[in-house]
Amino acid sequence: MRKGERKRSDVYEIIAKNIRAERKKQNLTQAKLAEKTGYSHEFIRRIEAPNTKKYFSIDTVSNIADALGIELKQLFDKHYKE
């Protein structure tokens, strides 16, 4: 894996962990978050799945942040806490 690919992968993992943490903090299931965003439950599950290749857009992250009622930048914070 090239250096640039690793950095991009790290960002996806940070976002995925933060989505999961915030969803759990709000006592939402993946299915409920999917319903709030209009995405499929499978899509939300794949975003949150650890150690898998992730491909989602900034629009997707923005829509999830809106559904969670948080600022977009929180999902990019590598120091975010549950």
PDB file of N, CA and C in Angstrom:
ATOM      1  N   MET A   1       0.849  -1.170   0.000  1.00  0.00           N
ATOM      2  CA  MET A   1       0.000   0.000   0.000  1.00  0.00           C
ATOM      3  C   MET A   1       0.899   1.239   0.000  1.00  0.00           C
ATOM      4  N   ARG A   2       0.579   2.191  -0.869  1.00  0.00           N
ATOM      5  CA  ARG A   2       1.352   3.425  -0.944  1.00  0.00           C
ATOM      6  C   ARG A   2       0.994   4.342   0.221  1.00  0.00           C
ATOM      7  N   LYS A   3       1.887   5.260   0.516  1.00  0.00           N
ATOM      8  CA  LYS A   3       1.734   6.173   1.651  1.00  0.00           C
ATOM      9  C   LYS A   3       0.422   6.954   1.589  1.00  0.00           C
ATOM     10  N   GLY A   4       0.082   7.523   0.462  1.00  0.00           N
ATOM     11  CA  GLY A   4      -1.156   8.293   0.307  1.00  0.00           C
ATOM     12  C   GLY A   4      -2.398   7.447   0.529  1.00  0.00           C
ATOM     13  N   GLU A   5      -2.348   6.198   0.080  1.00  0.00           N
ATOM     14  CA  GLU A   5      -3.480   5.293   0.276  1.00  0.00           C
ATOM     15  C   GLU A   5      -3.675   4.989   1.754  1.00  0.00           C
ATOM     16  N   ARG A   6      -2.592   4.852   2.496  1.00  0.00           N
ATOM     17  CA  ARG A   6      -2.678   4.548   3.928  1.00  0.00           C
ATOM     18  C   ARG A   6      -3.318   5.714   4.677  1.00  0.00           C
ATOM     19  N   LYS A   7      -2.916   6.934   4.375  1.00  0.00           N
ATOM     20  CA  LYS A   7      -3.487   8.108   5.033  1.00  0.00           C
ATOM     21  C   LYS A   7      -4.978   8.201   4.762  1.00  0.00           C
ATOM     22  N   ARG A   8      -5.381   7.966   3.536  1.00  0.00           N
ATOM     23  CA  ARG A   8      -6.792   8.030   3.168  1.00  0.00           C
ATOM     24  C   ARG A   8      -7.555   6.943   3.913  1.00  0.00           C
ATOM     25  N   SER A   9      -6.992   5.774   4.014  1.00  0.00           N
ATOM     26  CA  SER A   9      -7.614   4.672   4.734  1.00  0.00           C
ATOM     27  C   SER A   9      -7.790   5.029   6.206  1.00  0.00           C
ATOM     28  N   ASP A  10      -6.792   5.671   6.783  1.00  0.00           N
ATOM     29  CA  ASP A  10      -6.873   6.090   8.182  1.00  0.00           C
ATOM     30  C   ASP A  10      -8.032   7.048   8.405  1.00  0.00           C
ATOM     31  N   VAL A  11      -8.238   7.976   7.496  1.00  0.00           N
ATOM     32  CA  VAL A  11      -9.329   8.943   7.622  1.00  0.00           C
ATOM     33  C   VAL A  11     -10.670   8.220   7.586  1.00  0.00           C
ATOM     34  N   TYR A  12     -10.828   7.277   6.687  1.00  0.00           N
ATOM     35  CA  TYR A  12     -12.070   6.503   6.622  1.00  0.00           C
ATOM     36  C   TYR A  12     -12.312   5.758   7.934  1.00  0.00           C
ATOM     37  N   GLU A  13     -11.259   5.184   8.506  1.00  0.00           N
ATOM     38  CA  GLU A  13     -11.403   4.458   9.773  1.00  0.00           C
ATOM     39  C   GLU A  13     -11.789   5.394  10.913  1.00  0.00           C
ATOM     40  N   ILE A  14     -11.182   6.569  10.962  1.00  0.00           N
ATOM     41  CA  ILE A  14     -11.525   7.558  11.993  1.00  0.00           C
ATOM     42  C   ILE A  14     -12.990   7.941  11.878  1.00  0.00           C
ATOM     43  N   ILE A  15     -13.434   8.247  10.676  1.00  0.00           N
ATOM     44  CA  ILE A  15     -14.832   8.634  10.453  1.00  0.00           C
ATOM     45  C   ILE A  15     -15.756   7.495  10.862  1.00  0.00           C
ATOM     46  N   ALA A  16     -15.432   6.275  10.450  1.00  0.00           N
ATOM     47  CA  ALA A  16     -16.278   5.123  10.765  1.00  0.00           C
ATOM     48  C   ALA A  16     -16.390   4.919  12.276  1.00  0.00           C
ATOM     49  N   LYS A  17     -15.265   5.008  12.982  1.00  0.00           N
ATOM     50  CA  LYS A  17     -15.287   4.843  14.441  1.00  0.00           C
ATOM     51  C   LYS A  17     -16.111   5.939  15.102  1.00  0.00           C
ATOM     52  N   ASN A  18     -15.995   7.161  14.600  1.00  0.00           N
ATOM     53  CA  ASN A  18     -16.735   8.268  15.192  1.00  0.00           C
ATOM     54  C   ASN A  18     -18.232   8.171  14.917  1.00  0.00           C
ATOM     55  N   ILE A  19     -18.606   7.693  13.741  1.00  0.00           N
ATOM     56  CA  ILE A  19     -20.029   7.476  13.448  1.00  0.00           C
ATOM     57  C   ILE A  19     -20.578   6.444  14.422  1.00  0.00           C
ATOM     58  N   ARG A  20     -19.865   5.353  14.570  1.00  0.00           N
ATOM     59  CA  ARG A  20     -20.312   4.289  15.477  1.00  0.00           C
ATOM     60  C   ARG A  20     -20.415   4.796  16.910  1.00  0.00           C
ATOM     61  N   ALA A  21     -19.395   5.524  17.353  1.00  0.00           N
ATOM     62  CA  ALA A  21     -19.388   6.038  18.728  1.00  0.00           C
ATOM     63  C   ALA A  21     -20.566   6.975  18.980  1.00  0.00           C
ATOM     64  N   GLU A  22     -20.806   7.878  18.047  1.00  0.00           N
ATOM     65  CA  GLU A  22     -21.903   8.833  18.231  1.00  0.00           C
ATOM     66  C   GLU A  22     -23.252   8.136  18.146  1.00  0.00           C
ATOM     67  N   ARG A  23     -23.368   7.180  17.248  1.00  0.00           N
ATOM     68  CA  ARG A  23     -24.622   6.428  17.125  1.00  0.00           C
ATOM     69  C   ARG A  23     -24.924   5.704  18.430  1.00  0.00           C
ATOM     70  N   LYS A  24     -23.916   5.058  18.993  1.00  0.00           N
ATOM     71  CA  LYS A  24     -24.112   4.336  20.253  1.00  0.00           C
ATOM     72  C   LYS A  24     -24.398   5.304  21.404  1.00  0.00           C
ATOM     73  N   LYS A  25     -23.712   6.432  21.416  1.00  0.00           N
ATOM     74  CA  LYS A  25     -23.934   7.454  22.446  1.00  0.00           C
ATOM     75  C   LYS A  25     -25.397   7.899  22.454  1.00  0.00           C
ATOM     76  N   GLN A  26     -25.995   7.954  21.270  1.00  0.00           N
ATOM     77  CA  GLN A  26     -27.383   8.372  21.137  1.00  0.00           C
ATOM     78  C   GLN A  26     -28.362   7.194  21.227  1.00  0.00           C
ATOM     79  N   ASN A  27     -27.846   6.019  21.532  1.00  0.00           N
ATOM     80  CA  ASN A  27     -28.663   4.807  21.640  1.00  0.00           C
ATOM     81  C   ASN A  27     -29.466   4.519  20.366  1.00  0.00           C
ATOM     82  N   LEU A  28     -28.796   4.724  19.232  1.00  0.00           N
ATOM     83  CA  LEU A  28     -29.417   4.424  17.938  1.00  0.00           C
ATOM     84  C   LEU A  28     -28.852   3.111  17.411  1.00  0.00           C
ATOM     85  N   THR A  29     -29.701   2.314  16.805  1.00  0.00           N
ATOM     86  CA  THR A  29     -29.231   1.123  16.097  1.00  0.00           C
ATOM     87  C   THR A  29     -28.757   1.546  14.710  1.00  0.00           C
ATOM     88  N   GLN A  30     -28.033   0.661  14.071  1.00  0.00           N
ATOM     89  CA  GLN A  30     -27.648   0.929  12.687  1.00  0.00           C
ATOM     90  C   GLN A  30     -28.892   1.089  11.819  1.00  0.00           C
ATOM     91  N   ALA A  31     -29.899   0.289  12.080  1.00  0.00           N
ATOM     92  CA  ALA A  31     -31.138   0.358  11.298  1.00  0.00           C
ATOM     93  C   ALA A  31     -31.819   1.714  11.477  1.00  0.00           C
ATOM     94  N   LYS A  32     -31.830   2.230  12.697  1.00  0.00           N
ATOM     95  CA  LYS A  32     -32.470   3.523  12.952  1.00  0.00           C
ATOM     96  C   LYS A  32     -31.678   4.646  12.280  1.00  0.00           C
ATOM     97  N   LEU A  33     -30.347   4.579  12.344  1.00  0.00           N
ATOM     98  CA  LEU A  33     -29.539   5.587  11.652  1.00  0.00           C
ATOM     99  C   LEU A  33     -29.773   5.507  10.149  1.00  0.00           C
ATOM    100  N   ALA A  34     -29.868   4.310   9.631  1.00  0.00           N
ATOM    101  CA  ALA A  34     -30.151   4.135   8.202  1.00  0.00           C
ATOM    102  C   ALA A  34     -31.477   4.788   7.839  1.00  0.00           C
ATOM    103  N   GLU A  35     -32.471   4.582   8.672  1.00  0.00           N
ATOM    104  CA  GLU A  35     -33.787   5.176   8.435  1.00  0.00           C
ATOM    105  C   GLU A  35     -33.707   6.704   8.450  1.00  0.00           C
ATOM    106  N   LYS A  36     -32.954   7.259   9.393  1.00  0.00           N
ATOM    107  CA  LYS A  36     -32.826   8.715   9.511  1.00  0.00           C
ATOM    108  C   LYS A  36     -32.069   9.334   8.340  1.00  0.00           C
ATOM    109  N   THR A  37     -31.156   8.573   7.743  1.00  0.00           N
ATOM    110  CA  THR A  37     -30.342   9.096   6.643  1.00  0.00           C
ATOM    111  C   THR A  37     -30.922   8.788   5.268  1.00  0.00           C
ATOM    112  N   GLY A  38     -31.758   7.760   5.202  1.00  0.00           N
ATOM    113  CA  GLY A  38     -32.256   7.319   3.900  1.00  0.00           C
ATOM    114  C   GLY A  38     -31.336   6.316   3.232  1.00  0.00           C
ATOM    115  N   TYR A  39     -30.259   5.938   3.914  1.00  0.00           N
ATOM    116  CA  TYR A  39     -29.359   4.919   3.390  1.00  0.00           C
ATOM    117  C   TYR A  39     -29.831   3.550   3.864  1.00  0.00           C
ATOM    118  N   SER A  40     -29.325   2.513   3.245  1.00  0.00           N
ATOM    119  CA  SER A  40     -29.700   1.166   3.663  1.00  0.00           C
ATOM    120  C   SER A  40     -28.958   0.785   4.941  1.00  0.00           C
ATOM    121  N   HIS A  41     -29.554  -0.136   5.672  1.00  0.00           N
ATOM    122  CA  HIS A  41     -28.903  -0.663   6.871  1.00  0.00           C
ATOM    123  C   HIS A  41     -27.573  -1.299   6.497  1.00  0.00           C
ATOM    124  N   GLU A  42     -27.531  -2.002   5.395  1.00  0.00           N
ATOM    125  CA  GLU A  42     -26.302  -2.650   4.919  1.00  0.00           C
ATOM    126  C   GLU A  42     -25.199  -1.623   4.672  1.00  0.00           C
ATOM    127  N   PHE A  43     -25.560  -0.474   4.096  1.00  0.00           N
ATOM    128  CA  PHE A  43     -24.577   0.578   3.816  1.00  0.00           C
ATOM    129  C   PHE A  43     -23.995   1.119   5.123  1.00  0.00           C
ATOM    130  N   ILE A  44     -24.831   1.393   6.110  1.00  0.00           N
ATOM    131  CA  ILE A  44     -24.368   1.870   7.414  1.00  0.00           C
ATOM    132  C   ILE A  44     -23.475   0.808   8.070  1.00  0.00           C
ATOM    133  N   ARG A  45     -23.888  -0.445   7.986  1.00  0.00           N
ATOM    134  CA  ARG A  45     -23.098  -1.536   8.559  1.00  0.00           C
ATOM    135  C   ARG A  45     -21.707  -1.589   7.925  1.00  0.00           C
ATOM    136  N   ARG A  46     -21.647  -1.458   6.601  1.00  0.00           N
ATOM    137  CA  ARG A  46     -20.353  -1.505   5.901  1.00  0.00           C
ATOM    138  C   ARG A  46     -19.476  -0.319   6.266  1.00  0.00           C
ATOM    139  N   ILE A  47     -20.069   0.859   6.446  1.00  0.00           N
ATOM    140  CA  ILE A  47     -19.294   2.029   6.855  1.00  0.00           C
ATOM    141  C   ILE A  47     -18.642   1.767   8.206  1.00  0.00           C
ATOM    142  N   GLU A  48     -19.401   1.223   9.140  1.00  0.00           N
ATOM    143  CA  GLU A  48     -18.900   1.011  10.501  1.00  0.00           C
ATOM    144  C   GLU A  48     -18.021  -0.226  10.662  1.00  0.00           C
ATOM    145  N   ALA A  49     -18.069  -1.140   9.735  1.00  0.00           N
ATOM    146  CA  ALA A  49     -17.314  -2.394   9.868  1.00  0.00           C
ATOM    147  C   ALA A  49     -15.820  -2.116   9.965  1.00  0.00           C
ATOM    148  N   PRO A  50     -15.169  -2.681  10.977  1.00  0.00           N
ATOM    149  CA  PRO A  50     -13.729  -2.447  11.134  1.00  0.00           C
ATOM    150  C   PRO A  50     -12.916  -3.207  10.085  1.00  0.00           C
ATOM    151  N   ASN A  51     -11.783  -2.637   9.740  1.00  0.00           N
ATOM    152  CA  ASN A  51     -10.801  -3.287   8.865  1.00  0.00           C
ATOM    153  C   ASN A  51     -11.343  -3.738   7.518  1.00  0.00           C
ATOM    154  N   THR A  52     -12.235  -2.943   6.963  1.00  0.00           N
ATOM    155  CA  THR A  52     -12.714  -3.209   5.608  1.00  0.00           C
ATOM    156  C   THR A  52     -12.473  -1.966   4.766  1.00  0.00           C
ATOM    157  N   LYS A  53     -12.332  -2.156   3.464  1.00  0.00           N
ATOM    158  CA  LYS A  53     -12.194  -0.996   2.588  1.00  0.00           C
ATOM    159  C   LYS A  53     -13.480  -0.207   2.637  1.00  0.00           C
ATOM    160  N   LYS A  54     -13.337   1.090   2.731  1.00  0.00           N
ATOM    161  CA  LYS A  54     -14.504   1.957   2.845  1.00  0.00           C
ATOM    162  C   LYS A  54     -14.477   2.977   1.723  1.00  0.00           C
ATOM    163  N   TYR A  55     -15.615   3.179   1.126  1.00  0.00           N
ATOM    164  CA  TYR A  55     -15.769   4.180   0.080  1.00  0.00           C
ATOM    165  C   TYR A  55     -17.077   4.897   0.312  1.00  0.00           C
ATOM    166  N   PHE A  56     -16.985   6.105   0.813  1.00  0.00           N
ATOM    167  CA  PHE A  56     -18.171   6.940   0.954  1.00  0.00           C
ATOM    168  C   PHE A  56     -17.752   8.387   0.758  1.00  0.00           C
ATOM    169  N   SER A  57     -18.696   9.204   0.361  1.00  0.00           N
ATOM    170  CA  SER A  57     -18.401  10.584  -0.011  1.00  0.00           C
ATOM    171  C   SER A  57     -18.540  11.533   1.172  1.00  0.00           C
ATOM    172  N   ILE A  58     -18.035  12.729   0.967  1.00  0.00           N
ATOM    173  CA  ILE A  58     -18.218  13.789   1.963  1.00  0.00           C
ATOM    174  C   ILE A  58     -19.706  14.078   2.130  1.00  0.00           C
ATOM    175  N   ASP A  59     -20.481  14.013   1.054  1.00  0.00           N
ATOM    176  CA  ASP A  59     -21.932  14.200   1.158  1.00  0.00           C
ATOM    177  C   ASP A  59     -22.544  13.159   2.092  1.00  0.00           C
ATOM    178  N   THR A  60     -22.087  11.927   1.980  1.00  0.00           N
ATOM    179  CA  THR A  60     -22.584  10.861   2.854  1.00  0.00           C
ATOM    180  C   THR A  60     -22.256  11.180   4.311  1.00  0.00           C
ATOM    181  N   VAL A  61     -21.018  11.580   4.575  1.00  0.00           N
ATOM    182  CA  VAL A  61     -20.610  11.909   5.940  1.00  0.00           C
ATOM    183  C   VAL A  61     -21.419  13.089   6.459  1.00  0.00           C
ATOM    184  N   SER A  62     -21.646  14.070   5.616  1.00  0.00           N
ATOM    185  CA  SER A  62     -22.442  15.234   5.991  1.00  0.00           C
ATOM    186  C   SER A  62     -23.877  14.835   6.328  1.00  0.00           C
ATOM    187  N   ASN A  63     -24.465  13.972   5.522  1.00  0.00           N
ATOM    188  CA  ASN A  63     -25.837  13.511   5.779  1.00  0.00           C
ATOM    189  C   ASN A  63     -25.915  12.735   7.094  1.00  0.00           C
ATOM    190  N   ILE A  64     -24.914  11.934   7.378  1.00  0.00           N
ATOM    191  CA  ILE A  64     -24.897  11.172   8.629  1.00  0.00           C
ATOM    192  C   ILE A  64     -24.740  12.130   9.814  1.00  0.00           C
ATOM    193  N   ALA A  65     -23.858  13.113   9.684  1.00  0.00           N
ATOM    194  CA  ALA A  65     -23.692  14.104  10.756  1.00  0.00           C
ATOM    195  C   ALA A  65     -25.005  14.833  11.015  1.00  0.00           C
ATOM    196  N   ASP A  66     -25.708  15.219   9.961  1.00  0.00           N
ATOM    197  CA  ASP A  66     -27.010  15.882  10.104  1.00  0.00           C
ATOM    198  C   ASP A  66     -28.002  14.974  10.822  1.00  0.00           C
ATOM    199  N   ALA A  67     -28.038  13.718  10.440  1.00  0.00           N
ATOM    200  CA  ALA A  67     -28.966  12.765  11.062  1.00  0.00           C
ATOM    201  C   ALA A  67     -28.641  12.563  12.541  1.00  0.00           C
ATOM    202  N   LEU A  68     -27.364  12.668  12.886  1.00  0.00           N
ATOM    203  CA  LEU A  68     -26.944  12.515  14.276  1.00  0.00           C
ATOM    204  C   LEU A  68     -27.047  13.830  15.059  1.00  0.00           C
ATOM    205  N   GLY A  69     -27.276  14.927  14.327  1.00  0.00           N
ATOM    206  CA  GLY A  69     -27.397  16.233  14.973  1.00  0.00           C
ATOM    207  C   GLY A  69     -26.074  16.765  15.503  1.00  0.00           C
ATOM    208  N   ILE A  70     -24.994  16.460  14.791  1.00  0.00           N
ATOM    209  CA  ILE A  70     -23.671  16.925  15.209  1.00  0.00           C
ATOM    210  C   ILE A  70     -23.014  17.672  14.059  1.00  0.00           C
ATOM    211  N   GLU A  71     -21.924  18.382  14.380  1.00  0.00           N
ATOM    212  CA  GLU A  71     -21.178  19.079  13.345  1.00  0.00           C
ATOM    213  C   GLU A  71     -20.340  18.086  12.549  1.00  0.00           C
ATOM    214  N   LEU A  72     -20.236  18.314  11.276  1.00  0.00           N
ATOM    215  CA  LEU A  72     -19.471  17.448  10.382  1.00  0.00           C
ATOM    216  C   LEU A  72     -18.045  17.237  10.890  1.00  0.00           C
ATOM    217  N   LYS A  73     -17.417  18.291  11.367  1.00  0.00           N
ATOM    218  CA  LYS A  73     -16.016  18.192  11.792  1.00  0.00           C
ATOM    219  C   LYS A  73     -15.806  17.185  12.922  1.00  0.00           C
ATOM    220  N   GLN A  74     -16.822  16.926  13.726  1.00  0.00           N
ATOM    221  CA  GLN A  74     -16.681  15.955  14.806  1.00  0.00           C
ATOM    222  C   GLN A  74     -16.355  14.563  14.280  1.00  0.00           C
ATOM    223  N   LEU A  75     -16.860  14.239  13.117  1.00  0.00           N
ATOM    224  CA  LEU A  75     -16.629  12.904  12.562  1.00  0.00           C
ATOM    225  C   LEU A  75     -15.215  12.723  12.025  1.00  0.00           C
ATOM    226  N   PHE A  76     -14.486  13.827  11.866  1.00  0.00           N
ATOM    227  CA  PHE A  76     -13.105  13.771  11.390  1.00  0.00           C
ATOM    228  C   PHE A  76     -12.091  13.844  12.525  1.00  0.00           C
ATOM    229  N   ASP A  77     -12.563  14.018  13.752  1.00  0.00           N
ATOM    230  CA  ASP A  77     -11.693  14.206  14.919  1.00  0.00           C
ATOM    231  C   ASP A  77     -11.107  12.870  15.375  1.00  0.00           C
ATOM    232  N   LYS A  78      -9.787  12.725  15.239  1.00  0.00           N
ATOM    233  CA  LYS A  78      -9.181  11.437  15.619  1.00  0.00           C
ATOM    234  C   LYS A  78      -9.123  11.244  17.124  1.00  0.00           C
ATOM    235  N   HIS A  79      -9.490  12.249  17.896  1.00  0.00           N
ATOM    236  CA  HIS A  79      -9.493  12.152  19.351  1.00  0.00           C
ATOM    237  C   HIS A  79     -10.905  12.134  19.922  1.00  0.00           C
ATOM    238  N   TYR A  80     -11.888  11.908  19.076  1.00  0.00           N
ATOM    239  CA  TYR A  80     -13.281  11.882  19.516  1.00  0.00           C
ATOM    240  C   TYR A  80     -13.468  10.778  20.549  1.00  0.00           C
ATOM    241  N   LYS A  81     -14.244  11.064  21.571  1.00  0.00           N
ATOM    242  CA  LYS A  81     -14.502  10.076  22.636  1.00  0.00           C
ATOM    243  C   LYS A  81     -15.984   9.725  22.673  1.00  0.00           C
ATOM    244  N   GLU A  82     -16.242   8.467  22.987  1.00  0.00           N
ATOM    245  CA  GLU A  82     -17.627   8.007  23.152  1.00  0.00           C
ATOM    246  C   GLU A  82     -18.204   8.665  24.377  1.00  0.00           C
TER     247      GLU A  82
END
